Amino acid sequence: MPTRLNRKLQMPRRDDLGLLTIANGTGLSISALPNGTLFSIDYGDSLGSVQINQIQGSPLSGGVGRLYLRIGGKKPATAEIVGPRAQGKFGFSEAGFSWSGNVADIRYQVSLVLAPSETTWFWHVTLAHSGTEKLPADLVLVQDIGLGDRGFLMNSEAYASQYVDHHIAQHPVFGLW
C-alpha cells in the first residue's frame, strides 16, 4: 500500500507576509510585499476602514497594480517597471517606495510617496535615455479599484467591482486620462 503524505497547507496571514508600509497622519497607508509588489492601499479613521485597491498583492503571483513603460522608436518595447514582473531593484523607507532599473537604453527611477497632510499619493517617474536619438515614451498605470471593507472585497471581488464607475476625463494640458 502506498504511503500517504499528510500535509497541511495554510495561506499566511497579513502579519506573516513581511509587509512594508508607508502611512501619513490622515489615515492613508500603502503596503508592499518585500518583492516590490503592491499589497494594499488602505484608509482608516474613527468611522471604519476602506481598502482602496480591490485585489491584494500575492507573494506568489504578484498583484493587479503595476506600472508599464512604453518606448517607441526603431525598436519599440514595453516593460513592467512596477509589479510582479519588474526586473529592477525595489527599495523602501518611511518616506516611500522606490523602483529603479534599465529598459533598453532608458534608465528609470520610480517613487511612490504619500502627501504629508492629505489623503493623496503620488507616483514620481524619472526617465533618462543614454542614446542620441529622441524616443517617444509613455507610462501606463494599472490600478484596480475596490473601495470597500477588506472582508467585503475579499469575499466577493466580482460583486464589489460592479459598483465602481470609471470615466475618461479631459485635462487642458495632459489631454485624455
N, C-alpha and C. Protein backbone atom coordinates (compact mmCIF):
# COMPACT_ATOMS: atom_id res chain seq x y z
N MET A 1 0.84 -1.18 0.00
CA MET A 1 0.00 0.00 0.00
C MET A 1 0.89 1.24 0.00
N PRO A 2 0.58 2.24 -0.87
CA PRO A 2 1.40 3.45 -0.93
C PRO A 2 1.31 4.25 0.38
N THR A 3 2.39 4.94 0.65
CA THR A 3 2.43 5.79 1.84
C THR A 3 1.67 7.08 1.55
N ARG A 4 0.85 7.48 2.47
CA ARG A 4 0.10 8.73 2.33
C ARG A 4 0.87 9.86 2.98
N LEU A 5 0.95 10.94 2.27
CA LEU A 5 1.56 12.13 2.84
C LEU A 5 0.49 12.94 3.55
N ASN A 6 0.78 13.32 4.73
CA ASN A 6 -0.17 14.11 5.49
C ASN A 6 0.35 15.55 5.50
N ARG A 7 -0.21 16.39 4.64
CA ARG A 7 0.24 17.77 4.52
C ARG A 7 -0.86 18.73 4.95
N LYS A 8 -0.40 19.83 5.48
CA LYS A 8 -1.33 20.90 5.83
C LYS A 8 -0.81 22.17 5.16
N LEU A 9 -1.63 22.74 4.27
CA LEU A 9 -1.28 23.97 3.60
C LEU A 9 -2.12 25.10 4.15
N GLN A 10 -1.46 26.19 4.48
CA GLN A 10 -2.20 27.32 5.03
C GLN A 10 -1.64 28.61 4.44
N MET A 11 -2.54 29.46 3.99
CA MET A 11 -2.13 30.77 3.49
C MET A 11 -1.62 31.60 4.67
N PRO A 12 -0.53 32.32 4.47
CA PRO A 12 -0.04 33.15 5.58
C PRO A 12 -1.02 34.29 5.86
N ARG A 13 -1.08 34.69 7.09
CA ARG A 13 -1.90 35.83 7.48
C ARG A 13 -1.15 37.12 7.13
N ARG A 14 -1.87 38.21 7.09
CA ARG A 14 -1.30 39.50 6.73
C ARG A 14 -0.06 39.82 7.55
N ASP A 15 -0.10 39.54 8.84
CA ASP A 15 1.03 39.85 9.72
C ASP A 15 2.26 38.98 9.43
N ASP A 16 2.10 37.90 8.71
CA ASP A 16 3.21 36.98 8.42
C ASP A 16 3.82 37.22 7.03
N LEU A 17 3.39 38.24 6.32
CA LEU A 17 3.86 38.47 4.95
C LEU A 17 5.10 39.37 4.86
N GLY A 18 5.51 39.96 5.98
CA GLY A 18 6.66 40.86 5.96
C GLY A 18 6.37 42.16 5.23
N LEU A 19 5.14 42.64 5.35
CA LEU A 19 4.74 43.84 4.62
C LEU A 19 5.55 45.05 5.03
N LEU A 20 5.83 45.90 4.06
CA LEU A 20 6.48 47.18 4.26
C LEU A 20 5.39 48.23 4.07
N THR A 21 5.24 49.14 5.02
CA THR A 21 4.10 50.06 4.98
C THR A 21 4.55 51.50 5.15
N ILE A 22 3.97 52.37 4.31
CA ILE A 22 4.13 53.81 4.49
C ILE A 22 2.77 54.35 4.89
N ALA A 23 2.76 55.38 5.72
CA ALA A 23 1.50 55.95 6.20
C ALA A 23 1.69 57.44 6.47
N ASN A 24 0.59 58.17 6.42
CA ASN A 24 0.64 59.58 6.82
C ASN A 24 -0.41 59.81 7.91
N GLY A 25 -0.49 61.02 8.39
CA GLY A 25 -1.38 61.32 9.51
C GLY A 25 -2.85 61.40 9.16
N THR A 26 -3.23 61.19 7.91
CA THR A 26 -4.63 61.30 7.51
C THR A 26 -5.38 59.97 7.60
N GLY A 27 -4.66 58.88 7.85
CA GLY A 27 -5.29 57.56 7.86
C GLY A 27 -5.00 56.76 6.60
N LEU A 28 -4.27 57.34 5.64
CA LEU A 28 -3.92 56.66 4.41
C LEU A 28 -2.64 55.86 4.60
N SER A 29 -2.63 54.63 4.09
CA SER A 29 -1.41 53.82 4.14
C SER A 29 -1.33 52.95 2.89
N ILE A 30 -0.11 52.63 2.50
CA ILE A 30 0.13 51.74 1.37
C ILE A 30 1.13 50.69 1.84
N SER A 31 0.83 49.42 1.55
CA SER A 31 1.71 48.32 1.93
C SER A 31 2.20 47.60 0.68
N ALA A 32 3.45 47.17 0.75
CA ALA A 32 4.06 46.41 -0.34
C ALA A 32 4.68 45.15 0.23
N LEU A 33 4.73 44.12 -0.59
CA LEU A 33 5.43 42.89 -0.23
C LEU A 33 6.93 43.11 -0.39
N PRO A 34 7.76 42.33 0.29
CA PRO A 34 9.21 42.52 0.17
C PRO A 34 9.75 42.40 -1.26
N ASN A 35 9.01 41.75 -2.15
CA ASN A 35 9.45 41.62 -3.55
C ASN A 35 9.09 42.84 -4.40
N GLY A 36 8.47 43.88 -3.81
CA GLY A 36 8.14 45.10 -4.54
C GLY A 36 6.74 45.14 -5.11
N THR A 37 5.95 44.10 -4.90
CA THR A 37 4.56 44.08 -5.37
C THR A 37 3.69 44.88 -4.40
N LEU A 38 2.85 45.77 -4.92
CA LEU A 38 1.92 46.49 -4.05
C LEU A 38 0.92 45.51 -3.47
N PHE A 39 0.71 45.58 -2.16
CA PHE A 39 -0.21 44.68 -1.49
C PHE A 39 -1.57 45.33 -1.30
N SER A 40 -1.59 46.50 -0.64
CA SER A 40 -2.88 47.16 -0.43
C SER A 40 -2.70 48.66 -0.22
N ILE A 41 -3.74 49.37 -0.59
CA ILE A 41 -3.86 50.80 -0.32
C ILE A 41 -5.07 50.93 0.58
N ASP A 42 -4.87 51.47 1.79
CA ASP A 42 -5.93 51.48 2.80
C ASP A 42 -6.14 52.87 3.38
N TYR A 43 -7.37 53.10 3.78
CA TYR A 43 -7.71 54.32 4.51
C TYR A 43 -8.54 53.92 5.72
N GLY A 44 -8.20 54.50 6.86
CA GLY A 44 -8.98 54.21 8.07
C GLY A 44 -9.08 55.43 8.95
N ASP A 45 -10.26 55.56 9.59
CA ASP A 45 -10.46 56.62 10.57
C ASP A 45 -11.40 56.08 11.65
N SER A 46 -11.94 56.95 12.47
CA SER A 46 -12.79 56.51 13.57
C SER A 46 -14.10 55.88 13.10
N LEU A 47 -14.46 56.09 11.85
CA LEU A 47 -15.71 55.53 11.32
C LEU A 47 -15.53 54.15 10.68
N GLY A 48 -14.28 53.75 10.46
CA GLY A 48 -14.03 52.45 9.86
C GLY A 48 -12.87 52.50 8.89
N SER A 49 -12.79 51.46 8.05
CA SER A 49 -11.68 51.40 7.10
C SER A 49 -12.18 51.01 5.71
N VAL A 50 -11.41 51.41 4.73
CA VAL A 50 -11.71 51.12 3.33
C VAL A 50 -10.42 50.66 2.67
N GLN A 51 -10.50 49.56 1.96
CA GLN A 51 -9.37 49.16 1.11
C GLN A 51 -9.63 49.77 -0.25
N ILE A 52 -8.68 50.52 -0.74
CA ILE A 52 -8.87 51.24 -2.00
C ILE A 52 -8.67 50.32 -3.19
N ASN A 53 -7.63 49.49 -3.16
CA ASN A 53 -7.46 48.52 -4.24
C ASN A 53 -8.37 47.33 -3.99
N GLN A 54 -8.77 46.67 -5.05
CA GLN A 54 -9.73 45.58 -4.92
C GLN A 54 -9.07 44.25 -4.56
N ILE A 55 -7.94 43.95 -5.17
CA ILE A 55 -7.30 42.66 -5.00
C ILE A 55 -5.95 42.86 -4.34
N GLN A 56 -5.72 42.20 -3.23
CA GLN A 56 -4.44 42.32 -2.53
C GLN A 56 -3.35 41.61 -3.32
N GLY A 57 -2.14 42.17 -3.25
CA GLY A 57 -1.00 41.54 -3.90
C GLY A 57 -0.67 40.21 -3.24
N SER A 58 -0.09 39.32 -4.02
CA SER A 58 0.24 37.98 -3.55
C SER A 58 1.74 37.74 -3.65
N PRO A 59 2.34 37.09 -2.64
CA PRO A 59 3.77 36.77 -2.73
C PRO A 59 4.07 35.79 -3.86
N LEU A 60 3.08 35.02 -4.30
CA LEU A 60 3.30 34.04 -5.35
C LEU A 60 3.06 34.59 -6.75
N SER A 61 1.94 35.28 -6.93
CA SER A 61 1.57 35.70 -8.28
C SER A 61 1.57 37.21 -8.47
N GLY A 62 1.99 37.96 -7.47
CA GLY A 62 2.01 39.41 -7.61
C GLY A 62 0.65 40.01 -7.35
N GLY A 63 0.31 41.04 -8.07
CA GLY A 63 -0.95 41.72 -7.89
C GLY A 63 -1.39 42.38 -9.17
N VAL A 64 -2.48 43.09 -9.09
CA VAL A 64 -3.02 43.76 -10.27
C VAL A 64 -2.31 45.10 -10.50
N GLY A 65 -2.02 45.82 -9.44
CA GLY A 65 -1.40 47.14 -9.57
C GLY A 65 -0.01 47.05 -10.19
N ARG A 66 0.22 47.82 -11.25
CA ARG A 66 1.51 47.83 -11.93
C ARG A 66 1.71 49.12 -12.71
N LEU A 67 2.93 49.34 -13.13
CA LEU A 67 3.27 50.49 -13.95
C LEU A 67 4.12 49.99 -15.11
N TYR A 68 3.69 50.32 -16.33
CA TYR A 68 4.40 49.91 -17.53
C TYR A 68 5.06 51.12 -18.18
N LEU A 69 6.24 50.90 -18.73
CA LEU A 69 6.93 51.90 -19.54
C LEU A 69 6.85 51.43 -20.99
N ARG A 70 6.31 52.31 -21.85
CA ARG A 70 6.25 52.01 -23.28
C ARG A 70 7.22 52.94 -24.00
N ILE A 71 8.07 52.33 -24.82
CA ILE A 71 9.10 53.07 -25.54
C ILE A 71 8.86 52.90 -27.03
N GLY A 72 8.91 54.01 -27.76
CA GLY A 72 8.75 53.96 -29.21
C GLY A 72 10.11 53.95 -29.89
N GLY A 73 10.14 54.40 -31.12
CA GLY A 73 11.39 54.45 -31.87
C GLY A 73 11.56 53.25 -32.78
N LYS A 74 12.80 53.00 -33.20
CA LYS A 74 13.11 51.91 -34.13
C LYS A 74 12.90 50.54 -33.51
N LYS A 75 13.11 50.44 -32.21
CA LYS A 75 12.92 49.17 -31.50
C LYS A 75 11.92 49.39 -30.36
N PRO A 76 10.63 49.43 -30.65
CA PRO A 76 9.64 49.66 -29.58
C PRO A 76 9.69 48.55 -28.54
N ALA A 77 9.42 48.93 -27.31
CA ALA A 77 9.44 47.95 -26.22
C ALA A 77 8.43 48.37 -25.16
N THR A 78 7.94 47.40 -24.45
CA THR A 78 7.08 47.63 -23.29
C THR A 78 7.65 46.82 -22.14
N ALA A 79 7.78 47.46 -20.98
CA ALA A 79 8.34 46.77 -19.82
C ALA A 79 7.56 47.13 -18.57
N GLU A 80 7.34 46.15 -17.73
CA GLU A 80 6.74 46.37 -16.42
C GLU A 80 7.83 46.89 -15.51
N ILE A 81 7.67 48.11 -14.99
CA ILE A 81 8.71 48.68 -14.12
C ILE A 81 8.29 48.71 -12.66
N VAL A 82 7.01 48.52 -12.38
CA VAL A 82 6.49 48.30 -11.03
C VAL A 82 5.49 47.18 -11.15
N GLY A 83 5.67 46.14 -10.37
CA GLY A 83 4.77 45.00 -10.42
C GLY A 83 5.52 43.69 -10.28
N PRO A 84 4.81 42.59 -10.35
CA PRO A 84 5.42 41.28 -10.08
C PRO A 84 6.48 40.86 -11.10
N ARG A 85 6.46 41.40 -12.31
CA ARG A 85 7.44 41.01 -13.32
C ARG A 85 8.48 42.09 -13.58
N ALA A 86 8.52 43.10 -12.74
CA ALA A 86 9.52 44.16 -12.88
C ALA A 86 10.91 43.58 -12.62
N GLN A 87 11.87 43.94 -13.46
CA GLN A 87 13.22 43.38 -13.35
C GLN A 87 14.18 44.28 -12.57
N GLY A 88 13.74 45.44 -12.14
CA GLY A 88 14.63 46.38 -11.47
C GLY A 88 14.78 46.09 -9.98
N LYS A 89 15.31 47.07 -9.28
CA LYS A 89 15.52 46.98 -7.84
C LYS A 89 14.38 47.68 -7.11
N PHE A 90 14.04 47.15 -5.94
CA PHE A 90 12.98 47.72 -5.11
C PHE A 90 13.60 48.24 -3.83
N GLY A 91 13.15 49.42 -3.38
CA GLY A 91 13.63 49.99 -2.14
C GLY A 91 12.48 50.51 -1.29
N PHE A 92 12.75 50.67 0.00
CA PHE A 92 11.71 51.10 0.94
C PHE A 92 12.35 51.98 2.00
N SER A 93 11.65 53.05 2.35
CA SER A 93 11.98 53.86 3.52
C SER A 93 10.66 54.38 4.07
N GLU A 94 10.68 55.03 5.20
CA GLU A 94 9.44 55.59 5.76
C GLU A 94 8.85 56.65 4.84
N ALA A 95 9.68 57.23 3.98
CA ALA A 95 9.21 58.28 3.06
C ALA A 95 8.45 57.70 1.88
N GLY A 96 8.73 56.43 1.51
CA GLY A 96 8.03 55.86 0.36
C GLY A 96 8.71 54.63 -0.19
N PHE A 97 8.22 54.19 -1.33
CA PHE A 97 8.76 53.03 -2.03
C PHE A 97 9.49 53.53 -3.28
N SER A 98 10.46 52.76 -3.75
CA SER A 98 11.15 53.12 -4.98
C SER A 98 11.48 51.88 -5.80
N TRP A 99 11.48 52.06 -7.10
CA TRP A 99 11.84 51.02 -8.05
C TRP A 99 12.80 51.68 -9.04
N SER A 100 13.85 50.96 -9.45
CA SER A 100 14.78 51.51 -10.43
C SER A 100 15.34 50.39 -11.28
N GLY A 101 15.75 50.76 -12.47
CA GLY A 101 16.32 49.77 -13.37
C GLY A 101 16.54 50.34 -14.74
N ASN A 102 16.79 49.44 -15.69
CA ASN A 102 17.05 49.82 -17.08
C ASN A 102 16.15 49.02 -18.00
N VAL A 103 15.64 49.69 -19.01
CA VAL A 103 14.90 49.06 -20.09
C VAL A 103 15.49 49.60 -21.38
N ALA A 104 16.07 48.71 -22.18
CA ALA A 104 16.75 49.12 -23.40
C ALA A 104 17.79 50.18 -23.03
N ASP A 105 17.74 51.35 -23.64
CA ASP A 105 18.69 52.42 -23.34
C ASP A 105 18.11 53.44 -22.35
N ILE A 106 17.07 53.08 -21.65
CA ILE A 106 16.43 54.02 -20.73
C ILE A 106 16.60 53.55 -19.29
N ARG A 107 17.10 54.45 -18.48
CA ARG A 107 17.20 54.20 -17.03
C ARG A 107 15.97 54.84 -16.41
N TYR A 108 15.30 54.11 -15.51
CA TYR A 108 14.12 54.66 -14.85
C TYR A 108 14.28 54.66 -13.34
N GLN A 109 13.63 55.62 -12.71
CA GLN A 109 13.55 55.73 -11.26
C GLN A 109 12.10 56.07 -10.94
N VAL A 110 11.43 55.23 -10.16
CA VAL A 110 10.03 55.43 -9.79
C VAL A 110 9.95 55.54 -8.28
N SER A 111 9.17 56.48 -7.79
CA SER A 111 8.90 56.54 -6.35
C SER A 111 7.40 56.70 -6.13
N LEU A 112 6.95 56.10 -5.07
CA LEU A 112 5.56 56.21 -4.64
C LEU A 112 5.57 56.79 -3.24
N VAL A 113 4.99 57.98 -3.08
CA VAL A 113 5.01 58.69 -1.80
C VAL A 113 3.61 59.18 -1.45
N LEU A 114 3.40 59.41 -0.18
CA LEU A 114 2.13 59.95 0.31
C LEU A 114 2.28 61.43 0.57
N ALA A 115 1.22 62.19 0.30
CA ALA A 115 1.19 63.60 0.71
C ALA A 115 1.19 63.62 2.23
N PRO A 116 1.92 64.54 2.85
CA PRO A 116 2.02 64.52 4.32
C PRO A 116 0.72 64.80 5.06
N SER A 117 -0.16 65.63 4.48
CA SER A 117 -1.35 66.00 5.24
C SER A 117 -2.65 65.86 4.44
N GLU A 118 -2.62 65.07 3.37
CA GLU A 118 -3.83 64.85 2.57
C GLU A 118 -3.94 63.36 2.25
N THR A 119 -5.14 62.92 1.91
CA THR A 119 -5.34 61.53 1.52
C THR A 119 -5.02 61.36 0.04
N THR A 120 -3.75 61.59 -0.28
CA THR A 120 -3.29 61.59 -1.66
C THR A 120 -1.95 60.88 -1.75
N TRP A 121 -1.75 60.13 -2.83
CA TRP A 121 -0.43 59.56 -3.09
C TRP A 121 0.02 60.00 -4.46
N PHE A 122 1.35 60.00 -4.64
CA PHE A 122 1.96 60.46 -5.88
C PHE A 122 2.94 59.43 -6.42
N TRP A 123 2.88 59.24 -7.73
CA TRP A 123 3.89 58.47 -8.45
C TRP A 123 4.82 59.48 -9.09
N HIS A 124 6.11 59.37 -8.83
CA HIS A 124 7.12 60.21 -9.48
C HIS A 124 7.98 59.30 -10.34
N VAL A 125 8.13 59.65 -11.60
CA VAL A 125 8.91 58.83 -12.53
C VAL A 125 9.93 59.70 -13.23
N THR A 126 11.18 59.25 -13.23
CA THR A 126 12.25 59.92 -13.96
C THR A 126 12.80 58.94 -14.98
N LEU A 127 12.91 59.39 -16.22
CA LEU A 127 13.46 58.57 -17.29
C LEU A 127 14.70 59.28 -17.84
N ALA A 128 15.76 58.52 -18.09
CA ALA A 128 16.98 59.07 -18.68
C ALA A 128 17.40 58.15 -19.82
N HIS A 129 17.50 58.74 -21.01
CA HIS A 129 17.87 57.97 -22.20
C HIS A 129 19.35 58.18 -22.49
N SER A 130 20.10 57.08 -22.65
CA SER A 130 21.54 57.19 -22.89
C SER A 130 21.89 57.31 -24.38
N GLY A 131 20.92 57.15 -25.25
CA GLY A 131 21.17 57.24 -26.69
C GLY A 131 21.14 58.66 -27.19
N THR A 132 21.36 58.80 -28.49
CA THR A 132 21.40 60.14 -29.11
C THR A 132 20.09 60.52 -29.78
N GLU A 133 19.32 59.52 -30.20
CA GLU A 133 18.04 59.83 -30.86
C GLU A 133 16.95 60.09 -29.82
N LYS A 134 15.99 60.93 -30.18
CA LYS A 134 14.85 61.16 -29.31
C LYS A 134 13.92 59.96 -29.40
N LEU A 135 13.42 59.54 -28.26
CA LEU A 135 12.50 58.41 -28.22
C LEU A 135 11.19 58.84 -27.59
N PRO A 136 10.06 58.52 -28.22
CA PRO A 136 8.79 58.74 -27.53
C PRO A 136 8.63 57.68 -26.44
N ALA A 137 8.10 58.09 -25.32
CA ALA A 137 7.87 57.15 -24.21
C ALA A 137 6.64 57.61 -23.45
N ASP A 138 5.93 56.66 -22.90
CA ASP A 138 4.82 56.98 -22.01
C ASP A 138 4.70 55.90 -20.95
N LEU A 139 3.83 56.16 -19.99
CA LEU A 139 3.62 55.26 -18.87
C LEU A 139 2.16 54.85 -18.82
N VAL A 140 1.93 53.61 -18.43
CA VAL A 140 0.58 53.10 -18.26
C VAL A 140 0.47 52.58 -16.83
N LEU A 141 -0.39 53.20 -16.04
CA LEU A 141 -0.62 52.77 -14.66
C LEU A 141 -1.85 51.87 -14.63
N VAL A 142 -1.72 50.70 -14.05
CA VAL A 142 -2.85 49.78 -13.87
C VAL A 142 -3.18 49.78 -12.39
N GLN A 143 -4.38 50.21 -12.06
CA GLN A 143 -4.82 50.28 -10.66
C GLN A 143 -6.21 49.69 -10.55
N ASP A 144 -6.34 48.66 -9.76
CA ASP A 144 -7.66 48.09 -9.52
C ASP A 144 -8.33 48.87 -8.38
N ILE A 145 -9.61 49.07 -8.49
CA ILE A 145 -10.33 49.87 -7.51
C ILE A 145 -11.34 48.99 -6.78
N GLY A 146 -11.29 49.00 -5.46
CA GLY A 146 -12.22 48.23 -4.66
C GLY A 146 -13.17 49.12 -3.88
N LEU A 147 -12.62 50.04 -3.11
CA LEU A 147 -13.39 51.00 -2.30
C LEU A 147 -14.41 50.30 -1.41
N GLY A 148 -13.94 49.40 -0.59
CA GLY A 148 -14.84 48.71 0.32
C GLY A 148 -14.08 48.15 1.52
N ASP A 149 -14.82 47.64 2.46
CA ASP A 149 -14.23 46.95 3.60
C ASP A 149 -13.46 45.74 3.09
N ARG A 150 -12.30 45.47 3.68
CA ARG A 150 -11.45 44.38 3.22
C ARG A 150 -12.20 43.05 3.16
N GLY A 151 -12.98 42.74 4.17
CA GLY A 151 -13.74 41.49 4.17
C GLY A 151 -14.73 41.40 3.03
N PHE A 152 -15.41 42.49 2.76
CA PHE A 152 -16.36 42.53 1.64
C PHE A 152 -15.66 42.28 0.32
N LEU A 153 -14.53 42.96 0.13
CA LEU A 153 -13.80 42.81 -1.13
C LEU A 153 -13.24 41.40 -1.31
N MET A 154 -12.70 40.85 -0.25
CA MET A 154 -12.11 39.51 -0.34
C MET A 154 -13.18 38.43 -0.50
N ASN A 155 -14.35 38.68 0.00
CA ASN A 155 -15.44 37.70 -0.06
C ASN A 155 -16.07 37.63 -1.45
N SER A 156 -16.18 38.79 -2.11
CA SER A 156 -16.86 38.80 -3.39
C SER A 156 -16.32 39.91 -4.28
N GLU A 157 -15.08 39.71 -4.80
CA GLU A 157 -14.44 40.75 -5.60
C GLU A 157 -15.25 41.11 -6.84
N ALA A 158 -15.79 40.12 -7.51
CA ALA A 158 -16.55 40.40 -8.74
C ALA A 158 -17.82 41.20 -8.42
N TYR A 159 -18.50 40.86 -7.35
CA TYR A 159 -19.71 41.57 -6.96
C TYR A 159 -19.38 43.02 -6.60
N ALA A 160 -18.29 43.23 -5.85
CA ALA A 160 -17.92 44.58 -5.42
C ALA A 160 -17.55 45.46 -6.61
N SER A 161 -16.92 44.90 -7.63
CA SER A 161 -16.42 45.73 -8.73
C SER A 161 -17.53 46.33 -9.58
N GLN A 162 -18.72 45.77 -9.55
CA GLN A 162 -19.78 46.32 -10.38
C GLN A 162 -20.27 47.68 -9.89
N TYR A 163 -19.89 48.06 -8.68
CA TYR A 163 -20.34 49.34 -8.14
C TYR A 163 -19.33 50.47 -8.35
N VAL A 164 -18.21 50.18 -8.99
CA VAL A 164 -17.21 51.21 -9.25
C VAL A 164 -17.41 51.74 -10.66
N ASP A 165 -17.54 53.04 -10.79
CA ASP A 165 -17.78 53.67 -12.08
C ASP A 165 -16.49 54.35 -12.54
N HIS A 166 -16.18 54.23 -13.81
CA HIS A 166 -15.00 54.86 -14.40
C HIS A 166 -15.43 55.79 -15.52
N HIS A 167 -14.64 56.81 -15.75
CA HIS A 167 -14.89 57.66 -16.91
C HIS A 167 -13.57 58.27 -17.38
N ILE A 168 -13.53 58.70 -18.62
CA ILE A 168 -12.35 59.34 -19.18
C ILE A 168 -12.55 60.85 -19.03
N ALA A 169 -11.54 61.51 -18.48
CA ALA A 169 -11.63 62.94 -18.24
C ALA A 169 -10.73 63.68 -19.23
N GLN A 170 -11.10 64.89 -19.56
CA GLN A 170 -10.31 65.74 -20.45
C GLN A 170 -9.55 66.74 -19.58
N HIS A 171 -8.21 66.78 -19.72
CA HIS A 171 -7.39 67.72 -18.98
C HIS A 171 -6.83 68.74 -19.97
N PRO A 172 -6.83 70.04 -19.64
CA PRO A 172 -6.41 71.05 -20.60
C PRO A 172 -4.94 70.93 -21.03
N VAL A 173 -4.08 70.35 -20.22
CA VAL A 173 -2.67 70.21 -20.57
C VAL A 173 -2.33 68.78 -21.00
N PHE A 174 -2.84 67.80 -20.28
CA PHE A 174 -2.45 66.40 -20.48
C PHE A 174 -3.38 65.62 -21.40
N GLY A 175 -4.43 66.21 -21.87
CA GLY A 175 -5.34 65.52 -22.79
C GLY A 175 -6.27 64.56 -22.05
N LEU A 176 -6.58 63.45 -22.72
CA LEU A 176 -7.50 62.47 -22.13
C LEU A 176 -6.74 61.63 -21.11
N TRP A 177 -7.38 61.37 -19.99
CA TRP A 177 -6.83 60.47 -18.97
C TRP A 177 -7.93 59.99 -18.08
